[in-house]
C-alpha cells in the first residue's frame, strides 16, 4: 500500500483509508466477525487510517472499531473521530467538545485519537446547525487545542463542508492540521476551476489552500455516497441513499450524471465506474488518503484493487473532462 506524507503532521498515511461510516454500514450494522475480518484484512493490506465519528450509528461505529482494535492490537493504526455540535450547544462549545471527545475515547477504548475533526458545516455568518468561521476560529480552535494539550488528540481537523468562502478562511488560518474534502468525478472543484454554470458547489480550488497551509487532505464522497457506482441497488446493511454533498441537489440526479460517465468504462480506461472514481480521487497529489464506504469485504477488496492500479492516466482525465463539460448549464 502506497503512503503519503500527511500535510505538516509528518504522519505517513495509507492512500486508502478505512471508512467506518453509516453509508456503507459495515462498522455500524455489520456482524461483529465480519467487522473484525475486514479490519484485519485492511491492516494486512497496509491500510493504517481508520475514520469514525460519534454520529455513525450513535456511537456504534466507535464501539465496534474499538472492540476490533482491542482484539487485533495493531501497532500503527491511525484513528480519527469527529464531533458534531447541535445548535443548543453553541453557547457552551468548549464543554460540549470535551464531553464528546471523552465519550468517543471511552467507546474506542483509547487514551487519545490521532485526529479530532469538527463535523459541523461551516458558514460565513453561522445559523441553524452551522458554525460561522469566526465561531470556529475563536471558540472551537481554543477548545480543540486544550484537548491536544491534555494529550487526548494529536492533530486538529475540520470536515470541509459549508460555504466555500468560510472554508477558505478557516483553512487559510493555518490552525487545523487536517481537512476532509469532498472530491469526486461529479465535482472536481477542489482541484480545478469550474464553469460558472456547472451544477455543483464550487469549492474554489480548495486544494491550493490546503497545500499552502500544510493541511492534510482526506478525500470524502469519493463515490458520491454510492452514486458513482452507477448502480441504484444498495446492500441491505448500507444506508438509504444519502443527501449529496457539493454535487447535485438529489441523489437521483447524481446517479443519472454518474451513468453519463460510463464511456470511461466502455472505452477501456477502467473496469468499472467505481474503479474510475477511486483512481480519479487518488490522481491529485493533494490527496493524503481517501475513504470509501463499504458494506462487505468484497467492496473493500474492490477499492483496494482500484488503488493498487494507481491514478488514472492523463488520457482518462482528459476524457473525463470532456464528459464533465457536458454537465455545464444543467440545473443542480
Protein backbone atom coordinates (compact mmCIF):
# COMPACT_ATOMS: atom_id res chain seq x y z
CA UNK A 1 0.00 0.00 0.00
CA UNK A 2 1.39 3.37 -1.00
CA UNK A 3 1.56 6.02 1.69
CA UNK A 4 1.73 9.79 1.51
CA UNK A 5 3.05 12.35 3.98
CA UNK A 6 0.00 13.85 5.63
CA UNK A 7 0.33 17.61 5.42
CA UNK A 8 2.59 19.11 8.06
CA UNK A 9 1.84 16.35 10.57
CA UNK A 10 4.71 14.14 9.42
CA UNK A 11 2.44 11.10 9.54
CA UNK A 12 2.73 8.57 6.74
CA UNK A 13 -0.86 7.73 5.90
CA UNK A 14 -2.13 4.94 3.65
CA UNK A 15 -3.56 6.13 0.35
CA UNK A 16 -6.65 4.04 1.03
CA UNK A 17 -8.28 4.65 4.38
CA UNK A 18 -10.91 2.58 6.13
CA UNK A 19 -14.23 4.42 6.38
CA UNK A 20 -16.32 3.35 9.35
CA UNK A 21 -19.37 5.42 8.43
CA UNK A 22 -23.05 4.68 8.12
CA UNK A 23 -23.32 4.97 4.32
CA UNK A 24 -21.58 1.64 3.71
CA UNK A 25 -22.64 0.45 7.13
CA UNK A 26 -20.21 -2.39 7.83
CA UNK A 27 -18.85 -0.92 11.08
CA UNK A 28 -22.30 0.24 12.18
CA UNK A 29 -24.66 -2.60 11.26
CA UNK A 30 -22.37 -5.43 10.18
CA UNK A 31 -21.82 -8.70 12.02
CA UNK A 32 -19.01 -8.49 14.59
CA UNK A 33 -16.97 -11.26 12.96
CA UNK A 34 -17.30 -9.59 9.55
CA UNK A 35 -16.13 -6.31 11.06
CA UNK A 36 -13.08 -7.96 12.60
CA UNK A 37 -12.19 -9.80 9.40
CA UNK A 38 -12.49 -6.62 7.34
CA UNK A 39 -10.26 -4.57 9.63
CA UNK A 40 -7.73 -7.40 9.84
CA UNK A 41 -7.64 -7.63 6.05
CA UNK A 42 -7.22 -3.87 5.75
CA UNK A 43 -4.30 -3.90 8.16
CA UNK A 44 -2.75 -6.82 6.27
CA UNK A 45 -3.04 -4.80 3.05
CA UNK A 46 -1.25 -1.84 4.60
CA UNK A 47 -4.22 0.39 5.45
CA UNK A 48 -3.42 2.39 8.56
CA UNK A 49 -6.07 5.14 8.75
CA UNK A 50 -9.45 4.39 10.32
CA UNK A 51 -12.11 7.09 10.25
CA UNK A 52 -15.13 7.11 12.55
CA UNK A 53 -17.48 9.53 14.32
CA UNK A 54 -19.94 9.53 17.19
CA UNK A 55 -22.71 10.26 14.65
CA UNK A 56 -22.12 6.96 12.86
CA UNK A 57 -24.79 4.80 14.43
CA UNK A 58 -24.97 6.99 17.56
CA UNK A 59 -21.63 5.68 18.80
CA UNK A 60 -21.91 2.14 17.42
CA UNK A 61 -19.13 2.64 14.87
CA UNK A 62 -16.74 3.83 17.56
CA UNK A 63 -17.67 0.94 19.86
CA UNK A 64 -17.20 -1.62 17.10
CA UNK A 65 -13.92 -0.16 15.89
CA UNK A 66 -12.67 -0.01 19.47
CA UNK A 67 -13.57 -3.64 20.08
CA UNK A 68 -11.83 -4.80 16.92
CA UNK A 69 -8.68 -2.76 17.54
CA UNK A 70 -8.50 -4.09 21.10
CA UNK A 71 -8.61 -7.62 19.71
CA UNK A 72 -6.17 -7.12 16.84
CA UNK A 73 -3.81 -4.72 18.65
CA UNK A 74 -2.26 -3.14 15.53
CA UNK A 75 0.97 -1.28 16.14
CA UNK A 76 0.48 1.54 13.68
CA UNK A 77 -3.24 2.32 13.38
CA UNK A 78 -4.11 5.99 12.92
CA UNK A 79 -7.59 6.76 14.25
CA UNK A 80 -9.70 9.82 13.56
CA UNK A 81 -13.08 10.70 15.03
CA UNK A 82 -15.36 13.73 14.97
CA UNK A 83 -17.70 15.96 16.93
CA UNK A 84 -20.89 17.48 15.54
CA UNK A 85 -22.29 20.12 17.84
CA UNK A 86 -26.06 20.63 17.96
CA UNK A 87 -27.15 24.26 17.87
CA UNK A 88 -28.23 24.03 21.51
CA UNK A 89 -24.54 23.60 22.46
CA UNK A 90 -23.23 26.63 20.57
CA UNK A 91 -23.24 28.60 23.81
CA UNK A 92 -21.04 26.00 25.54
CA UNK A 93 -18.67 24.90 22.81
CA UNK A 94 -15.63 24.14 24.98
CA UNK A 95 -17.60 21.96 27.38
CA UNK A 96 -19.50 20.21 24.60
CA UNK A 97 -16.46 19.25 22.52
CA UNK A 98 -14.68 17.98 25.62
CA UNK A 99 -17.66 15.81 26.57
CA UNK A 100 -17.91 14.50 23.02
CA UNK A 101 -14.27 13.50 22.74
CA UNK A 102 -14.26 11.95 26.21
CA UNK A 103 -17.23 9.82 25.16
CA UNK A 104 -15.53 8.86 21.91
CA UNK A 105 -12.35 7.81 23.70
CA UNK A 106 -14.37 5.68 26.09
CA UNK A 107 -16.18 3.94 23.25
CA UNK A 108 -12.96 3.45 21.29
CA UNK A 109 -11.06 2.25 24.34
CA UNK A 110 -8.20 4.60 23.51
CA UNK A 111 -6.36 7.21 25.58
CA UNK A 112 -6.26 9.53 22.57
CA UNK A 113 -7.11 9.77 18.89
CA UNK A 114 -4.74 10.90 16.21
CA UNK A 115 -7.11 13.39 14.54
CA UNK A 116 -10.19 15.07 16.01
CA UNK A 117 -12.39 16.64 13.33
CA UNK A 118 -15.15 19.19 13.65
CA UNK A 119 -18.12 17.65 11.82
CA UNK A 120 -20.36 20.73 11.56
CA UNK A 121 -20.76 22.62 8.32
CA UNK A 122 -19.01 25.98 8.40
CA UNK A 123 -20.70 29.07 7.02
CA UNK A 124 -19.81 32.74 6.73
CA UNK A 125 -22.42 34.03 9.16
CA UNK A 126 -23.46 30.88 11.05
CA UNK A 127 -27.07 29.99 11.68
CA UNK A 128 -29.03 26.79 12.09
CA UNK A 129 -26.70 23.86 12.74
CA UNK A 130 -23.76 25.58 11.01
CA UNK A 131 -20.94 27.32 12.80
CA UNK A 132 -19.57 30.60 11.50
CA UNK A 133 -15.93 30.83 10.54
CA UNK A 134 -15.41 33.18 13.48
CA UNK A 135 -17.01 30.71 15.91
CA UNK A 136 -14.71 28.01 14.62
CA UNK A 137 -11.56 30.12 14.88
CA UNK A 138 -12.39 31.90 18.15
CA UNK A 139 -14.15 29.15 20.10
CA UNK A 140 -13.69 25.71 18.54
CA UNK A 141 -9.96 26.02 17.92
CA UNK A 142 -9.07 27.02 21.53
CA UNK A 143 -11.24 24.16 22.83
CA UNK A 144 -9.64 21.67 20.45
CA UNK A 145 -6.18 22.94 21.30
CA UNK A 146 -6.77 22.39 25.01
CA UNK A 147 -7.71 18.80 24.24
CA UNK A 148 -4.47 18.44 22.31
CA UNK A 149 -2.52 19.87 25.24
CA UNK A 150 -4.24 17.34 27.50
CA UNK A 151 -2.99 14.53 25.25
CA UNK A 152 -6.44 13.50 24.04
CA UNK A 153 -5.72 14.17 20.37
CA UNK A 154 -2.59 14.70 18.32
CA UNK A 155 -4.00 16.78 15.47
CA UNK A 156 -6.99 19.01 14.77
CA UNK A 157 -9.27 18.84 11.75
CA UNK A 158 -12.42 20.00 10.02
CA UNK A 159 -14.92 18.43 7.68
CA UNK A 160 -14.75 20.95 4.84
CA UNK A 161 -18.44 21.36 4.08
CA UNK A 162 -20.39 24.60 4.12
CA UNK A 163 -19.72 27.96 2.47
CA UNK A 164 -16.67 27.99 0.24
CA UNK A 165 -15.51 31.41 1.48
CA UNK A 166 -15.76 30.26 5.09
CA UNK A 167 -13.82 27.07 4.36
CA UNK A 168 -11.06 29.06 2.69
CA UNK A 169 -10.91 31.41 5.67
CA UNK A 170 -10.62 28.58 8.19
CA UNK A 171 -8.01 26.66 6.20
CA UNK A 172 -6.01 29.81 5.50
CA UNK A 173 -5.79 30.50 9.25
CA UNK A 174 -3.38 27.53 9.47
CA UNK A 175 -4.74 26.34 12.81
CA UNK A 176 -6.04 22.97 11.59
CA UNK A 177 -3.88 20.05 10.51
CA UNK A 178 -6.48 18.05 8.57
CA UNK A 179 -9.44 18.65 6.28
CA UNK A 180 -11.96 16.17 4.95
CA UNK A 181 -12.72 17.38 1.43
CA UNK A 182 -15.46 16.31 -0.99
CA UNK A 183 -13.78 15.42 -4.26
CA UNK A 184 -15.14 13.20 -6.98
CA UNK A 185 -15.81 12.89 -10.69
CA UNK A 186 -19.08 14.81 -10.34
CA UNK A 187 -17.42 17.72 -8.55
CA UNK A 188 -13.69 18.25 -9.10
CA UNK A 189 -13.78 21.91 -7.99
CA UNK A 190 -11.44 21.41 -5.03
CA UNK A 191 -8.74 20.96 -7.67
CA UNK A 192 -9.79 22.90 -10.78
CA UNK A 193 -11.85 25.90 -11.79
CA UNK A 194 -15.38 25.04 -12.90
CA UNK A 195 -17.52 26.79 -15.48
CA UNK A 196 -19.79 29.35 -13.81
CA UNK A 197 -22.87 27.32 -14.75
CA UNK A 198 -21.61 23.91 -13.60
CA UNK A 199 -24.24 22.11 -11.45
CA UNK A 200 -22.24 21.69 -8.23
CA UNK A 201 -20.86 23.73 -5.38
CA UNK A 202 -17.68 25.49 -6.40
CA UNK A 203 -15.06 24.79 -3.74
CA UNK A 204 -12.74 27.32 -5.36
CA UNK A 205 -9.61 25.18 -5.77
CA UNK A 206 -9.60 24.36 -2.06
CA UNK A 207 -6.56 22.12 -2.57
CA UNK A 208 -4.47 25.22 -3.31
CA UNK A 209 -5.38 26.48 0.15
CA UNK A 210 -4.73 23.20 1.95
CA UNK A 211 -1.36 22.87 0.26
CA UNK A 212 -0.31 26.42 1.18
CA UNK A 213 -1.39 25.87 4.78
CA UNK A 214 0.24 22.44 5.13
CA UNK A 215 -3.15 20.85 5.82
CA UNK A 216 -3.50 17.14 5.10
CA UNK A 217 -6.49 16.08 2.96
CA UNK A 218 -8.84 13.16 3.49
CA UNK A 219 -10.94 12.59 0.38
CA UNK A 220 -14.61 12.04 1.20
CA UNK A 221 -17.62 11.33 -1.00
CA UNK A 222 -15.23 9.73 -3.49
CA UNK A 223 -18.16 7.63 -4.76
CA UNK A 224 -20.71 10.42 -4.13
CA UNK A 225 -22.44 8.33 -1.48
CA UNK A 226 -22.56 5.37 -3.87
CA UNK A 227 -23.90 7.20 -6.93
CA UNK A 228 -20.59 6.79 -8.75
CA UNK A 229 -21.03 3.05 -8.73
CA UNK A 230 -23.65 3.75 -11.38
CA UNK A 231 -25.95 1.26 -9.67
CA UNK A 232 -29.16 2.12 -7.83
CA UNK A 233 -29.24 -1.10 -5.79
CA UNK A 234 -27.81 -0.83 -2.27
CA UNK A 235 -26.64 -3.57 0.09
CA UNK A 236 -29.11 -4.40 2.90
CA UNK A 237 -26.82 -3.01 5.63
CA UNK A 238 -25.96 0.16 3.70
CA UNK A 239 -27.82 3.35 4.49
CA UNK A 240 -30.56 4.64 2.19
CA UNK A 241 -29.17 6.98 -0.48
CA UNK A 242 -27.57 9.87 1.41
CA UNK A 243 -28.05 13.56 0.75
CA UNK A 244 -25.44 14.76 -1.76
CA UNK A 245 -22.53 16.89 -0.56
CA UNK A 246 -21.38 19.52 -3.00
CA UNK A 247 -22.80 17.90 -6.13
CA UNK A 248 -26.42 17.64 -7.32
CA UNK A 249 -29.43 18.60 -5.23
CA UNK A 250 -30.64 14.98 -5.12
CA UNK A 251 -29.03 11.55 -5.07
CA UNK A 252 -31.03 10.53 -8.14
CA UNK A 253 -29.55 13.44 -10.09
CA UNK A 254 -26.06 12.37 -9.02
CA UNK A 255 -26.79 8.81 -10.13
CA UNK A 256 -28.07 9.96 -13.51
CA UNK A 257 -24.98 12.10 -14.14
CA UNK A 258 -22.70 9.31 -12.93
CA UNK A 259 -24.15 6.98 -15.56
CA UNK A 260 -23.22 9.54 -18.22
CA UNK A 261 -19.58 8.90 -17.30
CA UNK A 262 -19.90 5.28 -18.48
CA UNK A 263 -17.73 5.91 -21.57
CA UNK A 264 -14.73 5.77 -19.22
CA UNK A 265 -15.51 2.07 -18.81
CA UNK A 266 -16.71 1.41 -22.35
CA UNK A 267 -13.52 2.93 -23.77
CA UNK A 268 -11.27 0.84 -21.52
CA UNK A 269 -9.97 3.42 -19.05
CA UNK A 270 -11.30 1.40 -16.08
CA UNK A 271 -13.09 -1.88 -15.48
CA UNK A 272 -15.96 -0.22 -13.62
CA UNK A 273 -17.27 3.24 -12.85
CA UNK A 274 -16.41 2.78 -9.17
CA UNK A 275 -12.82 1.90 -10.10
CA UNK A 276 -12.59 5.03 -12.23
CA UNK A 277 -13.93 7.14 -9.37
CA UNK A 278 -11.42 5.78 -6.88
CA UNK A 279 -8.49 6.15 -9.24
CA UNK A 280 -9.63 9.68 -10.11
CA UNK A 281 -9.59 10.65 -6.43
CA UNK A 282 -6.03 9.46 -5.86
CA UNK A 283 -4.82 11.16 -9.04
CA UNK A 284 -4.43 14.51 -7.33
CA UNK A 285 -1.21 14.98 -5.34
CA UNK A 286 -3.01 16.95 -2.61
CA UNK A 287 -4.86 13.81 -1.55
CA UNK A 288 -3.46 12.17 1.56
CA UNK A 289 -5.95 9.33 1.91
CA UNK A 290 -9.40 8.51 0.58
CA UNK A 291 -12.38 6.98 2.31
CA UNK A 292 -14.68 4.53 0.56
CA UNK A 293 -17.76 3.37 2.41
CA UNK A 294 -18.24 -0.38 2.44
CA UNK A 295 -20.89 -2.86 3.39
CA UNK A 296 -18.99 -6.05 2.53
CA UNK A 297 -15.48 -7.46 2.48
CA UNK A 298 -15.66 -7.63 -1.32
CA UNK A 299 -16.27 -3.90 -1.55
CA UNK A 300 -13.05 -3.36 0.37
CA UNK A 301 -11.21 -5.71 -1.99
CA UNK A 302 -12.58 -3.80 -4.97
CA UNK A 303 -11.42 -0.47 -3.53
CA UNK A 304 -8.02 -1.93 -2.72
CA UNK A 305 -7.62 -3.30 -6.24
CA UNK A 306 -8.52 0.09 -7.71
CA UNK A 307 -5.98 1.92 -5.55
CA UNK A 308 -3.31 -0.62 -6.43
CA UNK A 309 -3.86 0.13 -10.14
CA UNK A 310 -2.77 3.68 -9.42
CA UNK A 311 -4.05 7.08 -10.58
CA UNK A 312 -5.94 7.43 -13.84
CA UNK A 313 -3.67 8.21 -16.80
CA UNK A 314 -3.82 11.69 -18.31
CA UNK A 315 -5.74 10.37 -21.31
CA UNK A 316 -8.52 9.21 -18.97
CA UNK A 317 -8.54 12.52 -17.12
CA UNK A 318 -8.81 14.35 -20.44
CA UNK A 319 -11.74 12.16 -21.50
CA UNK A 320 -13.40 12.73 -18.14
CA UNK A 321 -13.01 16.50 -18.50
CA UNK A 322 -14.79 16.31 -21.85
CA UNK A 323 -17.66 14.37 -20.30
CA UNK A 324 -17.86 16.79 -17.36
CA UNK A 325 -18.19 19.75 -19.69
CA UNK A 326 -21.44 18.19 -20.84
CA UNK A 327 -22.92 18.90 -17.38
CA UNK A 328 -22.42 22.67 -17.68
CA UNK A 329 -25.62 24.67 -17.85
CA UNK A 330 -27.79 21.98 -16.24
CA UNK A 331 -29.84 22.56 -13.10
CA UNK A 332 -28.10 21.42 -9.97
